[in-house]
Full PDB file with SEQRES, HELIX, SHEET, SSBOND, CRYST1, ORIGX, SCALE, CONECT and MASTER records, all heavy atoms in Angstrom:
SEQRES   1 A   37  ASP ALA ASN SER CYS TYR LEU GLY GLU CYS ALA LEU VAL          
SEQRES   2 A   37  GLU ASN ASN SER PRO ILE ALA ASN MET ASN LEU THR PHE          
SEQRES   3 A   37  GLY THR THR LEU ILE ASP GLU ASN ALA SER CYS                  
HELIX    1 AA1 ALA A   20  MET A   22  5                                   3    
HELIX    2 AA2 THR A   29  ASP A   32  1                                   4    
HELIX    3 AA3 GLU A   33  ALA A   35  5                                   3    
CRYST1    1.000    1.000    1.000  90.00  90.00  90.00 P 1           1          
ORIGX1      1.000000  0.000000  0.000000        0.00000                         
ORIGX2      0.000000  1.000000  0.000000        0.00000                         
ORIGX3      0.000000  0.000000  1.000000        0.00000                         
SCALE1      1.000000  0.000000  0.000000        0.00000                         
SCALE2      0.000000  1.000000  0.000000        0.00000                         
SCALE3      0.000000  0.000000  1.000000        0.00000                         
ATOM      1  N   ASP A   1       4.183  -3.759  -2.537  1.00  0.00           N  
ATOM      2  CA  ASP A   1       5.606  -4.106  -2.766  1.00  0.00           C  
ATOM      3  C   ASP A   1       5.606  -5.175  -3.931  1.00  0.00           C  
ATOM      4  O   ASP A   1       4.560  -5.469  -4.526  1.00  0.00           O  
ATOM      5  CB  ASP A   1       6.271  -4.678  -1.469  1.00  0.00           C  
ATOM      6  CG  ASP A   1       5.601  -5.887  -0.895  1.00  0.00           C  
ATOM      7  OD1 ASP A   1       5.000  -6.642  -1.622  1.00  0.00           O  
ATOM      8  OD2 ASP A   1       5.685  -6.033   0.351  1.00  0.00           O  
ATOM      9  N   ALA A   2       6.780  -5.747  -4.159  1.00  0.00           N  
ATOM     10  CA  ALA A   2       6.963  -6.644  -5.309  1.00  0.00           C  
ATOM     11  C   ALA A   2       6.062  -7.844  -5.219  1.00  0.00           C  
ATOM     12  O   ALA A   2       5.705  -8.454  -6.254  1.00  0.00           O  
ATOM     13  CB  ALA A   2       8.391  -7.009  -5.469  1.00  0.00           C  
ATOM     14  N   ASN A   3       5.742  -8.296  -3.965  1.00  0.00           N  
ATOM     15  CA  ASN A   3       5.007  -9.591  -3.811  1.00  0.00           C  
ATOM     16  C   ASN A   3       3.620  -9.460  -3.325  1.00  0.00           C  
ATOM     17  O   ASN A   3       2.911 -10.431  -3.122  1.00  0.00           O  
ATOM     18  CB  ASN A   3       5.791 -10.488  -2.819  1.00  0.00           C  
ATOM     19  CG  ASN A   3       6.983 -11.146  -3.554  1.00  0.00           C  
ATOM     20  OD1 ASN A   3       7.315 -10.863  -4.687  1.00  0.00           O  
ATOM     21  ND2 ASN A   3       7.626 -12.064  -2.791  1.00  0.00           N  
ATOM     22  N   SER A   4       3.125  -8.183  -3.173  1.00  0.00           N  
ATOM     23  CA  SER A   4       1.744  -8.042  -2.723  1.00  0.00           C  
ATOM     24  C   SER A   4       0.714  -8.252  -3.829  1.00  0.00           C  
ATOM     25  O   SER A   4      -0.458  -8.244  -3.516  1.00  0.00           O  
ATOM     26  CB  SER A   4       1.550  -6.602  -2.154  1.00  0.00           C  
ATOM     27  OG  SER A   4       1.910  -5.613  -3.092  1.00  0.00           O  
ATOM     28  N   CYS A   5       1.183  -8.511  -5.014  1.00  0.00           N  
ATOM     29  CA  CYS A   5       0.314  -8.907  -6.132  1.00  0.00           C  
ATOM     30  C   CYS A   5       0.141 -10.402  -6.256  1.00  0.00           C  
ATOM     31  O   CYS A   5      -0.417 -10.859  -7.274  1.00  0.00           O  
ATOM     32  CB  CYS A   5       0.867  -8.257  -7.446  1.00  0.00           C  
ATOM     33  SG  CYS A   5       2.560  -8.711  -7.830  1.00  0.00           S  
ATOM     34  N   TYR A   6       0.609 -11.131  -5.260  1.00  0.00           N  
ATOM     35  CA  TYR A   6       0.467 -12.592  -5.248  1.00  0.00           C  
ATOM     36  C   TYR A   6      -0.285 -13.003  -3.986  1.00  0.00           C  
ATOM     37  O   TYR A   6      -0.364 -12.237  -3.021  1.00  0.00           O  
ATOM     38  CB  TYR A   6       1.849 -13.260  -5.238  1.00  0.00           C  
ATOM     39  CG  TYR A   6       2.745 -13.028  -6.415  1.00  0.00           C  
ATOM     40  CD1 TYR A   6       3.568 -11.955  -6.452  1.00  0.00           C  
ATOM     41  CD2 TYR A   6       2.675 -13.942  -7.503  1.00  0.00           C  
ATOM     42  CE1 TYR A   6       4.383 -11.732  -7.567  1.00  0.00           C  
ATOM     43  CE2 TYR A   6       3.542 -13.780  -8.602  1.00  0.00           C  
ATOM     44  CZ  TYR A   6       4.364 -12.621  -8.621  1.00  0.00           C  
ATOM     45  OH  TYR A   6       5.177 -12.444  -9.730  1.00  0.00           O  
ATOM     46  N   LEU A   7      -0.839 -14.189  -4.020  1.00  0.00           N  
ATOM     47  CA  LEU A   7      -1.630 -14.711  -2.875  1.00  0.00           C  
ATOM     48  C   LEU A   7      -0.705 -15.171  -1.779  1.00  0.00           C  
ATOM     49  O   LEU A   7       0.329 -15.801  -2.005  1.00  0.00           O  
ATOM     50  CB  LEU A   7      -2.553 -15.805  -3.302  1.00  0.00           C  
ATOM     51  CG  LEU A   7      -3.742 -15.443  -4.140  1.00  0.00           C  
ATOM     52  CD1 LEU A   7      -4.652 -16.700  -4.496  1.00  0.00           C  
ATOM     53  CD2 LEU A   7      -4.589 -14.350  -3.565  1.00  0.00           C  
ATOM     54  N   GLY A   8      -1.233 -15.014  -0.525  1.00  0.00           N  
ATOM     55  CA  GLY A   8      -0.551 -15.511   0.647  1.00  0.00           C  
ATOM     56  C   GLY A   8      -1.415 -16.422   1.497  1.00  0.00           C  
ATOM     57  O   GLY A   8      -0.898 -17.077   2.390  1.00  0.00           O  
ATOM     58  N   GLU A   9      -2.704 -16.414   1.256  1.00  0.00           N  
ATOM     59  CA  GLU A   9      -3.579 -17.219   2.036  1.00  0.00           C  
ATOM     60  C   GLU A   9      -4.793 -17.702   1.227  1.00  0.00           C  
ATOM     61  O   GLU A   9      -5.314 -16.909   0.395  1.00  0.00           O  
ATOM     62  CB  GLU A   9      -4.027 -16.438   3.266  1.00  0.00           C  
ATOM     63  CG  GLU A   9      -5.072 -17.156   4.186  1.00  0.00           C  
ATOM     64  CD  GLU A   9      -5.610 -16.288   5.256  1.00  0.00           C  
ATOM     65  OE1 GLU A   9      -5.360 -15.107   5.322  1.00  0.00           O  
ATOM     66  OE2 GLU A   9      -6.404 -16.849   6.069  1.00  0.00           O  
ATOM     67  N   CYS A  10      -5.271 -18.901   1.538  1.00  0.00           N  
ATOM     68  CA  CYS A  10      -6.608 -19.311   1.106  1.00  0.00           C  
ATOM     69  C   CYS A  10      -7.257 -19.943   2.304  1.00  0.00           C  
ATOM     70  O   CYS A  10      -6.696 -20.810   2.951  1.00  0.00           O  
ATOM     71  CB  CYS A  10      -6.546 -20.255  -0.124  1.00  0.00           C  
ATOM     72  SG  CYS A  10      -5.543 -21.765   0.095  1.00  0.00           S  
ATOM     73  N   ALA A  11      -8.423 -19.452   2.649  1.00  0.00           N  
ATOM     74  CA  ALA A  11      -9.090 -19.892   3.883  1.00  0.00           C  
ATOM     75  C   ALA A  11     -10.512 -20.435   3.585  1.00  0.00           C  
ATOM     76  O   ALA A  11     -11.239 -19.901   2.735  1.00  0.00           O  
ATOM     77  CB  ALA A  11      -9.237 -18.668   4.828  1.00  0.00           C  
ATOM     78  N   LEU A  12     -10.829 -21.521   4.267  1.00  0.00           N  
ATOM     79  CA  LEU A  12     -12.088 -22.175   4.151  1.00  0.00           C  
ATOM     80  C   LEU A  12     -13.028 -21.821   5.258  1.00  0.00           C  
ATOM     81  O   LEU A  12     -12.716 -22.098   6.414  1.00  0.00           O  
ATOM     82  CB  LEU A  12     -11.919 -23.742   4.103  1.00  0.00           C  
ATOM     83  CG  LEU A  12     -10.878 -24.186   3.018  1.00  0.00           C  
ATOM     84  CD1 LEU A  12     -10.700 -25.717   3.158  1.00  0.00           C  
ATOM     85  CD2 LEU A  12     -11.304 -23.790   1.631  1.00  0.00           C  
ATOM     86  N   VAL A  13     -14.209 -21.288   4.957  1.00  0.00           N  
ATOM     87  CA  VAL A  13     -15.213 -20.895   5.944  1.00  0.00           C  
ATOM     88  C   VAL A  13     -16.566 -21.324   5.402  1.00  0.00           C  
ATOM     89  O   VAL A  13     -16.917 -20.899   4.298  1.00  0.00           O  
ATOM     90  CB  VAL A  13     -15.213 -19.355   6.250  1.00  0.00           C  
ATOM     91  CG1 VAL A  13     -16.224 -19.054   7.354  1.00  0.00           C  
ATOM     92  CG2 VAL A  13     -13.839 -18.896   6.620  1.00  0.00           C  
ATOM     93  N   GLU A  14     -17.297 -22.090   6.171  1.00  0.00           N  
ATOM     94  CA  GLU A  14     -18.578 -22.548   5.748  1.00  0.00           C  
ATOM     95  C   GLU A  14     -19.623 -21.444   5.639  1.00  0.00           C  
ATOM     96  O   GLU A  14     -19.674 -20.575   6.467  1.00  0.00           O  
ATOM     97  CB  GLU A  14     -19.145 -23.650   6.667  1.00  0.00           C  
ATOM     98  CG  GLU A  14     -18.360 -24.950   6.539  1.00  0.00           C  
ATOM     99  CD  GLU A  14     -19.104 -26.125   7.204  1.00  0.00           C  
ATOM    100  OE1 GLU A  14     -19.191 -26.151   8.419  1.00  0.00           O  
ATOM    101  OE2 GLU A  14     -19.614 -26.988   6.422  1.00  0.00           O  
ATOM    102  N   ASN A  15     -20.479 -21.532   4.584  1.00  0.00           N  
ATOM    103  CA  ASN A  15     -21.594 -20.621   4.489  1.00  0.00           C  
ATOM    104  C   ASN A  15     -22.625 -20.873   5.622  1.00  0.00           C  
ATOM    105  O   ASN A  15     -23.456 -19.989   5.909  1.00  0.00           O  
ATOM    106  CB  ASN A  15     -22.299 -20.803   3.134  1.00  0.00           C  
ATOM    107  CG  ASN A  15     -23.334 -19.772   2.887  1.00  0.00           C  
ATOM    108  OD1 ASN A  15     -23.036 -18.586   2.724  1.00  0.00           O  
ATOM    109  ND2 ASN A  15     -24.555 -20.215   2.800  1.00  0.00           N  
ATOM    110  N   ASN A  16     -22.480 -21.975   6.262  1.00  0.00           N  
ATOM    111  CA  ASN A  16     -23.379 -22.336   7.382  1.00  0.00           C  
ATOM    112  C   ASN A  16     -22.781 -21.932   8.713  1.00  0.00           C  
ATOM    113  O   ASN A  16     -23.144 -22.467   9.757  1.00  0.00           O  
ATOM    114  CB  ASN A  16     -23.660 -23.828   7.352  1.00  0.00           C  
ATOM    115  CG  ASN A  16     -24.797 -24.243   8.338  1.00  0.00           C  
ATOM    116  OD1 ASN A  16     -25.728 -23.404   8.528  1.00  0.00           O  
ATOM    117  ND2 ASN A  16     -24.671 -25.377   8.933  1.00  0.00           N  
ATOM    118  N   SER A  17     -21.800 -20.994   8.678  1.00  0.00           N  
ATOM    119  CA  SER A  17     -21.117 -20.596   9.909  1.00  0.00           C  
ATOM    120  C   SER A  17     -22.056 -19.655  10.719  1.00  0.00           C  
ATOM    121  O   SER A  17     -23.066 -19.092  10.152  1.00  0.00           O  
ATOM    122  CB  SER A  17     -19.827 -19.838   9.580  1.00  0.00           C  
ATOM    123  OG  SER A  17     -20.157 -18.540   9.122  1.00  0.00           O  
ATOM    124  N   PRO A  18     -21.831 -19.537  12.072  1.00  0.00           N  
ATOM    125  CA  PRO A  18     -22.689 -18.650  12.864  1.00  0.00           C  
ATOM    126  C   PRO A  18     -22.821 -17.222  12.370  1.00  0.00           C  
ATOM    127  O   PRO A  18     -23.843 -16.632  12.479  1.00  0.00           O  
ATOM    128  CB  PRO A  18     -21.996 -18.719  14.217  1.00  0.00           C  
ATOM    129  CG  PRO A  18     -21.306 -20.028  14.229  1.00  0.00           C  
ATOM    130  CD  PRO A  18     -20.826 -20.230  12.854  1.00  0.00           C  
ATOM    131  N   ILE A  19     -21.706 -16.736  11.767  1.00  0.00           N  
ATOM    132  CA  ILE A  19     -21.722 -15.367  11.265  1.00  0.00           C  
ATOM    133  C   ILE A  19     -22.569 -15.252   9.974  1.00  0.00           C  
ATOM    134  O   ILE A  19     -23.404 -14.430   9.816  1.00  0.00           O  
ATOM    135  CB  ILE A  19     -20.353 -14.794  11.052  1.00  0.00           C  
ATOM    136  CG1 ILE A  19     -19.530 -14.861  12.427  1.00  0.00           C  
ATOM    137  CG2 ILE A  19     -20.408 -13.375  10.592  1.00  0.00           C  
ATOM    138  CD1 ILE A  19     -18.110 -14.469  12.249  1.00  0.00           C  
ATOM    139  N   ALA A  20     -22.273 -16.185   9.027  1.00  0.00           N  
ATOM    140  CA  ALA A  20     -22.995 -16.174   7.747  1.00  0.00           C  
ATOM    141  C   ALA A  20     -24.479 -16.302   7.958  1.00  0.00           C  
ATOM    142  O   ALA A  20     -25.278 -15.707   7.253  1.00  0.00           O  
ATOM    143  CB  ALA A  20     -22.454 -17.299   6.853  1.00  0.00           C  
ATOM    144  N   ASN A  21     -24.882 -17.134   8.976  1.00  0.00           N  
ATOM    145  CA  ASN A  21     -26.288 -17.356   9.186  1.00  0.00           C  
ATOM    146  C   ASN A  21     -27.059 -16.143   9.742  1.00  0.00           C  
ATOM    147  O   ASN A  21     -28.249 -16.066   9.724  1.00  0.00           O  
ATOM    148  CB  ASN A  21     -26.472 -18.477  10.218  1.00  0.00           C  
ATOM    149  CG  ASN A  21     -26.133 -19.804   9.609  1.00  0.00           C  
ATOM    150  OD1 ASN A  21     -26.233 -20.000   8.411  1.00  0.00           O  
ATOM    151  ND2 ASN A  21     -25.801 -20.797  10.454  1.00  0.00           N  
ATOM    152  N   MET A  22     -26.270 -15.092  10.128  1.00  0.00           N  
ATOM    153  CA  MET A  22     -26.935 -13.851  10.534  1.00  0.00           C  
ATOM    154  C   MET A  22     -27.378 -12.969   9.373  1.00  0.00           C  
ATOM    155  O   MET A  22     -28.158 -12.025   9.549  1.00  0.00           O  
ATOM    156  CB  MET A  22     -25.989 -13.012  11.399  1.00  0.00           C  
ATOM    157  CG  MET A  22     -25.820 -13.534  12.834  1.00  0.00           C  
ATOM    158  SD  MET A  22     -24.864 -12.412  13.884  1.00  0.00           S  
ATOM    159  CE  MET A  22     -25.174 -13.148  15.452  1.00  0.00           C  
ATOM    160  N   ASN A  23     -26.823 -13.305   8.160  1.00  0.00           N  
ATOM    161  CA  ASN A  23     -27.156 -12.524   6.948  1.00  0.00           C  
ATOM    162  C   ASN A  23     -26.886 -11.071   7.139  1.00  0.00           C  
ATOM    163  O   ASN A  23     -27.686 -10.169   6.747  1.00  0.00           O  
ATOM    164  CB  ASN A  23     -28.633 -12.758   6.588  1.00  0.00           C  
ATOM    165  CG  ASN A  23     -28.919 -14.195   6.138  1.00  0.00           C  
ATOM    166  OD1 ASN A  23     -28.122 -14.729   5.382  1.00  0.00           O  
ATOM    167  ND2 ASN A  23     -29.960 -14.754   6.640  1.00  0.00           N  
ATOM    168  N   LEU A  24     -25.776 -10.733   7.762  1.00  0.00           N  
ATOM    169  CA  LEU A  24     -25.369  -9.393   7.979  1.00  0.00           C  
ATOM    170  C   LEU A  24     -24.015  -9.124   7.354  1.00  0.00           C  
ATOM    171  O   LEU A  24     -23.184 -10.027   7.335  1.00  0.00           O  
ATOM    172  CB  LEU A  24     -25.300  -8.975   9.439  1.00  0.00           C  
ATOM    173  CG  LEU A  24     -26.582  -8.959  10.212  1.00  0.00           C  
ATOM    174  CD1 LEU A  24     -26.292  -8.801  11.747  1.00  0.00           C  
ATOM    175  CD2 LEU A  24     -27.489  -7.820   9.790  1.00  0.00           C  
ATOM    176  N   THR A  25     -23.787  -7.949   6.848  1.00  0.00           N  
ATOM    177  CA  THR A  25     -22.425  -7.531   6.454  1.00  0.00           C  
ATOM    178  C   THR A  25     -21.957  -6.565   7.506  1.00  0.00           C  
ATOM    179  O   THR A  25     -22.487  -5.477   7.712  1.00  0.00           O  
ATOM    180  CB  THR A  25     -22.396  -6.852   5.063  1.00  0.00           C  
ATOM    181  OG1 THR A  25     -22.862  -7.822   4.066  1.00  0.00           O  
ATOM    182  CG2 THR A  25     -21.035  -6.350   4.711  1.00  0.00           C  
ATOM    183  N   PHE A  26     -20.939  -6.975   8.209  1.00  0.00           N  
ATOM    184  CA  PHE A  26     -20.418  -6.150   9.337  1.00  0.00           C  
ATOM    185  C   PHE A  26     -19.500  -4.999   8.930  1.00  0.00           C  
ATOM    186  O   PHE A  26     -19.248  -4.086   9.684  1.00  0.00           O  
ATOM    187  CB  PHE A  26     -19.732  -7.081  10.362  1.00  0.00           C  
ATOM    188  CG  PHE A  26     -20.656  -7.890  11.181  1.00  0.00           C  
ATOM    189  CD1 PHE A  26     -21.137  -9.106  10.672  1.00  0.00           C  
ATOM    190  CD2 PHE A  26     -21.142  -7.468  12.412  1.00  0.00           C  
ATOM    191  CE1 PHE A  26     -22.067  -9.913  11.417  1.00  0.00           C  
ATOM    192  CE2 PHE A  26     -22.017  -8.223  13.112  1.00  0.00           C  
ATOM    193  CZ  PHE A  26     -22.481  -9.493  12.662  1.00  0.00           C  
ATOM    194  N   GLY A  27     -18.918  -5.111   7.698  1.00  0.00           N  
ATOM    195  CA  GLY A  27     -18.078  -4.026   7.231  1.00  0.00           C  
ATOM    196  C   GLY A  27     -16.705  -3.988   7.887  1.00  0.00           C  
ATOM    197  O   GLY A  27     -16.057  -2.975   7.889  1.00  0.00           O  
ATOM    198  N   THR A  28     -16.289  -5.114   8.463  1.00  0.00           N  
ATOM    199  CA  THR A  28     -14.934  -5.276   8.987  1.00  0.00           C  
ATOM    200  C   THR A  28     -14.435  -6.623   8.587  1.00  0.00           C  
ATOM    201  O   THR A  28     -15.128  -7.611   8.800  1.00  0.00           O  
ATOM    202  CB  THR A  28     -14.866  -5.060  10.493  1.00  0.00           C  
ATOM    203  OG1 THR A  28     -13.516  -5.305  10.981  1.00  0.00           O  
ATOM    204  CG2 THR A  28     -15.832  -6.017  11.255  1.00  0.00           C  
ATOM    205  N   THR A  29     -13.234  -6.702   8.098  1.00  0.00           N  
ATOM    206  CA  THR A  29     -12.662  -7.959   7.663  1.00  0.00           C  
ATOM    207  C   THR A  29     -12.588  -8.982   8.824  1.00  0.00           C  
ATOM    208  O   THR A  29     -12.801 -10.190   8.589  1.00  0.00           O  
ATOM    209  CB  THR A  29     -11.252  -7.762   7.054  1.00  0.00           C  
ATOM    210  OG1 THR A  29     -11.339  -6.820   5.987  1.00  0.00           O  
ATOM    211  CG2 THR A  29     -10.673  -9.048   6.547  1.00  0.00           C  
ATOM    212  N   LEU A  30     -12.264  -8.501  10.023  1.00  0.00           N  
ATOM    213  CA  LEU A  30     -12.195  -9.393  11.179  1.00  0.00           C  
ATOM    214  C   LEU A  30     -13.431 -10.339  11.256  1.00  0.00           C  
ATOM    215  O   LEU A  30     -13.303 -11.537  11.481  1.00  0.00           O  
ATOM    216  CB  LEU A  30     -12.064  -8.554  12.419  1.00  0.00           C  
ATOM    217  CG  LEU A  30     -12.318  -9.333  13.740  1.00  0.00           C  
ATOM    218  CD1 LEU A  30     -11.161 -10.327  13.951  1.00  0.00           C  
ATOM    219  CD2 LEU A  30     -12.353  -8.371  14.938  1.00  0.00           C  
ATOM    220  N   ILE A  31     -14.612  -9.796  11.037  1.00  0.00           N  
ATOM    221  CA  ILE A  31     -15.822 -10.570  11.170  1.00  0.00           C  
ATOM    222  C   ILE A  31     -16.241 -11.153   9.789  1.00  0.00           C  
ATOM    223  O   ILE A  31     -16.561 -12.337   9.708  1.00  0.00           O  
ATOM    224  CB  ILE A  31     -16.994  -9.717  11.777  1.00  0.00           C  
ATOM    225  CG1 ILE A  31     -16.576  -9.303  13.205  1.00  0.00           C  
ATOM    226  CG2 ILE A  31     -18.258 -10.587  11.880  1.00  0.00           C  
ATOM    227  CD1 ILE A  31     -17.612  -8.422  13.888  1.00  0.00           C  
ATOM    228  N   ASP A  32     -16.298 -10.272   8.797  1.00  0.00           N  
ATOM    229  CA  ASP A  32     -16.818 -10.746   7.487  1.00  0.00           C  
ATOM    230  C   ASP A  32     -15.966 -11.897   6.928  1.00  0.00           C  
ATOM    231  O   ASP A  32     -16.527 -12.761   6.176  1.00  0.00           O  
ATOM    232  CB  ASP A  32     -16.886  -9.583   6.521  1.00  0.00           C  
ATOM    233  CG  ASP A  32     -17.934  -8.600   6.852  1.00  0.00           C  
ATOM    234  OD1 ASP A  32     -18.924  -8.969   7.543  1.00  0.00           O  
ATOM    235  OD2 ASP A  32     -17.827  -7.385   6.465  1.00  0.00           O  
ATOM    236  N   GLU A  33     -14.666 -11.922   7.151  1.00  0.00           N  
ATOM    237  CA  GLU A  33     -13.859 -13.079   6.613  1.00  0.00           C  
ATOM    238  C   GLU A  33     -14.217 -14.322   7.278  1.00  0.00           C  
ATOM    239  O   GLU A  33     -13.929 -15.428   6.776  1.00  0.00           O  
ATOM    240  CB  GLU A  33     -12.418 -12.757   6.775  1.00  0.00           C  
ATOM    241  CG  GLU A  33     -11.869 -12.907   8.187  1.00  0.00           C  
ATOM    242  CD  GLU A  33     -10.356 -12.922   8.289  1.00  0.00           C  
ATOM    243  OE1 GLU A  33      -9.675 -12.683   7.233  1.00  0.00           O  
ATOM    244  OE2 GLU A  33      -9.798 -13.136   9.363  1.00  0.00           O  
ATOM    245  N   ASN A  34     -14.868 -14.277   8.472  1.00  0.00           N  
ATOM    246  CA  ASN A  34     -15.248 -15.489   9.130  1.00  0.00           C  
ATOM    247  C   ASN A  34     -16.727 -15.861   8.833  1.00  0.00           C  
ATOM    248  O   ASN A  34     -17.309 -16.731   9.534  1.00  0.00           O  
ATOM    249  CB  ASN A  34     -15.091 -15.330  10.689  1.00  0.00           C  
ATOM    250  CG  ASN A  34     -13.635 -15.408  11.054  1.00  0.00           C  
ATOM    251  OD1 ASN A  34     -13.053 -16.489  10.994  1.00  0.00           O  
ATOM    252  ND2 ASN A  34     -13.049 -14.318  11.429  1.00  0.00           N  
ATOM    253  N   ALA A  35     -17.281 -15.236   7.811  1.00  0.00           N  
ATOM    254  CA  ALA A  35     -18.586 -15.630   7.300  1.00  0.00           C  
ATOM    255  C   ALA A  35     -18.457 -16.109   5.845  1.00  0.00           C  
ATOM    256  O   ALA A  35     -19.426 -16.507   5.205  1.00  0.00           O  
ATOM    257  CB  ALA A  35     -19.533 -14.451   7.337  1.00  0.00           C  
ATOM    258  N   SER A  36     -17.221 -16.156   5.359  1.00  0.00           N  
ATOM    259  CA  SER A  36     -17.079 -16.416   3.951  1.00  0.00           C  
ATOM    260  C   SER A  36     -15.630 -16.935   3.660  1.00  0.00           C  
ATOM    261  O   SER A  36     -14.661 -16.472   4.266  1.00  0.00           O  
ATOM    262  CB  SER A  36     -17.272 -15.078   3.138  1.00  0.00           C  
ATOM    263  OG  SER A  36     -16.913 -15.227   1.812  1.00  0.00           O  
ATOM    264  N   CYS A  37     -15.550 -17.920   2.744  1.00  0.00           N  
ATOM    265  CA  CYS A  37     -14.233 -18.298   2.263  1.00  0.00           C  
ATOM    266  C   CYS A  37     -13.527 -17.074   1.758  1.00  0.00           C  
ATOM    267  O   CYS A  37     -14.177 -16.115   1.188  1.00  0.00           O  
ATOM    268  CB  CYS A  37     -14.334 -19.308   1.125  1.00  0.00           C  
ATOM    269  SG  CYS A  37     -14.703 -20.975   1.661  1.00  0.00           S  
TER     270      CYS A  37                                                      
MASTER        0    0    0    3    0    0    0    6  269    1    0    3          
END                                                                             
């Protein structure tokens, strides 16, 4: 739509998070977004 080309969120997630420390790509935003800003 007219506004989907703009940002709506910026999220901070540590690279030292429990998910990031697994060194896995889960292939789902639900999990991968919690391993990465």
